Amino acid sequence: VQLQASGGGLVQAGGSLRLSCAASGSISRFNLMGWYRQAPGKQRELVARINSGGITTYADPVKGRFTISRDNAKKTVYLQMNSLKPEDTAVYYCCAAETIWGQGTQVTVSS
């Protein structure tokens, strides 16, 4: 399966963006789907992940602001990002089963 992330862009602090990760094939067979991000000069880090039962996990910096969801019928995983901060600026990647990676989408938050 291939993953295609989209929805990134430039937004002011306090704004919102919705990222989408469209898969070329079924994602229902993957227990874990997730979003990661990598800021310049930093290591890639987990943002959020969701399992096949809908249980979610969030990194502390995004708790209460970001929401991950998955639609197996549409073969798509979403990341709703609200109350964005400049420190959220990064390239965001989607991932299936922590082994299959999509290309990144740039998110830039201006102060």
Protein backbone atom coordinates (compact mmCIF):
# COMPACT_ATOMS: atom_id res chain seq x y z
CA VAL A 1 0.00 0.00 0.00
CA GLN A 2 1.13 3.58 -0.67
CA LEU A 3 0.22 6.56 1.48
CA GLN A 4 -0.40 10.08 0.18
CA ALA A 5 -0.51 12.90 2.71
CA SER A 6 -2.10 16.25 1.94
CA GLY A 7 -3.59 19.30 3.61
CA GLY A 8 -0.49 21.07 4.86
CA GLY A 9 0.12 24.75 4.37
CA LEU A 10 0.84 28.08 5.99
CA VAL A 11 -1.43 29.19 8.82
CA GLN A 12 -1.29 31.81 11.53
CA ALA A 13 -0.93 30.83 15.18
CA GLY A 14 -4.31 29.87 16.59
CA GLY A 15 -5.53 28.60 13.25
CA SER A 16 -6.52 25.13 12.11
CA LEU A 17 -5.56 22.64 9.44
CA ARG A 18 -6.83 19.20 8.54
CA LEU A 19 -4.36 16.70 7.18
CA SER A 20 -5.47 13.69 5.16
CA CYS A 21 -3.60 10.49 4.41
CA ALA A 22 -5.10 8.56 1.52
CA ALA A 23 -4.02 4.96 1.02
CA SER A 24 -3.84 3.15 -2.30
CA GLY A 25 -5.25 0.04 -0.69
CA SER A 26 -7.14 -1.13 2.33
CA ILE A 27 -6.02 0.18 5.71
CA SER A 28 -8.40 -1.98 7.71
CA ARG A 29 -5.73 -4.67 7.92
CA PHE A 30 -3.41 -2.29 9.75
CA ASN A 31 -4.01 -2.12 13.49
CA LEU A 32 -2.02 1.07 13.92
CA MET A 33 -2.21 4.17 11.74
CA GLY A 34 -0.33 7.25 12.82
CA TRP A 35 0.97 10.71 12.17
CA TYR A 36 4.54 11.74 12.89
CA ARG A 37 6.35 15.02 12.38
CA GLN A 38 9.89 16.21 11.90
CA ALA A 39 10.98 19.77 12.53
CA PRO A 40 14.24 21.14 11.11
CA GLY A 41 17.21 19.83 13.05
CA LYS A 42 15.08 17.49 15.13
CA GLN A 43 14.26 13.81 15.09
CA ARG A 44 10.99 12.51 13.77
CA GLU A 45 8.46 12.20 16.59
CA LEU A 46 5.08 10.65 17.11
CA VAL A 47 2.15 13.06 16.96
CA ALA A 48 -0.83 10.70 17.23
CA ARG A 49 -1.89 7.20 16.38
CA ILE A 50 -5.10 5.24 16.27
CA ASN A 51 -5.69 1.51 16.40
CA SER A 52 -8.29 -0.56 14.61
CA GLY A 53 -10.62 -0.26 17.58
CA GLY A 54 -10.49 3.52 17.50
CA ILE A 55 -8.30 3.92 20.57
CA THR A 56 -6.08 6.96 20.21
CA THR A 57 -2.73 8.06 21.60
CA TYR A 58 -1.37 11.60 21.49
CA ALA A 59 1.97 13.19 22.20
CA ASP A 60 1.77 15.51 25.19
CA PRO A 61 2.41 18.73 23.20
CA VAL A 62 -0.69 18.16 21.04
CA LYS A 63 -3.15 16.72 23.55
CA GLY A 64 -6.41 18.63 23.54
CA ARG A 65 -5.58 20.37 20.25
CA PHE A 66 -5.18 17.58 17.69
CA THR A 67 -7.59 14.78 16.82
CA ILE A 68 -6.74 11.70 14.78
CA SER A 69 -9.41 9.66 13.06
CA ARG A 70 -9.63 6.93 10.44
CA ASP A 71 -12.21 5.99 7.84
CA ASN A 72 -11.45 2.47 6.66
CA ALA A 73 -14.13 2.64 3.96
CA LYS A 74 -12.46 5.70 2.45
CA LYS A 75 -8.97 4.28 3.11
CA THR A 76 -8.06 7.57 4.76
CA VAL A 77 -6.62 8.76 8.06
CA TYR A 78 -7.13 12.34 9.22
CA LEU A 79 -5.41 14.70 11.61
CA GLN A 80 -7.46 17.69 12.70
CA MET A 81 -5.13 20.31 14.12
CA ASN A 82 -6.60 23.22 16.08
CA SER A 83 -5.04 26.06 18.07
CA LEU A 84 -1.86 25.69 16.09
CA LYS A 85 1.37 27.07 17.52
CA PRO A 86 4.64 28.04 15.81
CA GLU A 87 6.28 25.03 17.46
CA ASP A 88 3.94 22.78 15.47
CA THR A 89 5.85 23.77 12.34
CA ALA A 90 7.23 20.58 10.78
CA VAL A 91 6.89 18.11 7.97
CA TYR A 92 4.07 15.74 8.87
CA TYR A 93 4.16 12.11 7.79
CA CYS A 94 1.52 9.42 7.93
CA CYS A 95 2.42 5.86 8.71
CA ALA A 96 0.80 2.44 8.60
CA ALA A 97 1.79 -0.22 11.09
CA GLU A 98 4.83 1.90 11.95
CA THR A 99 6.53 0.49 8.87
CA ILE A 100 4.94 2.02 5.77
CA TRP A 101 5.53 5.72 5.35
CA GLY A 102 3.95 8.29 3.11
CA GLN A 103 5.65 11.39 1.77
CA GLY A 104 5.45 14.35 4.09
CA THR A 105 3.31 17.44 3.97
CA GLN A 106 4.70 20.74 5.23
CA VAL A 107 2.89 22.58 8.00
CA THR A 108 4.11 26.08 8.80
CA VAL A 109 2.61 28.12 11.63
CA SER A 110 3.47 31.80 11.73
CA SER A 111 3.45 33.83 14.94
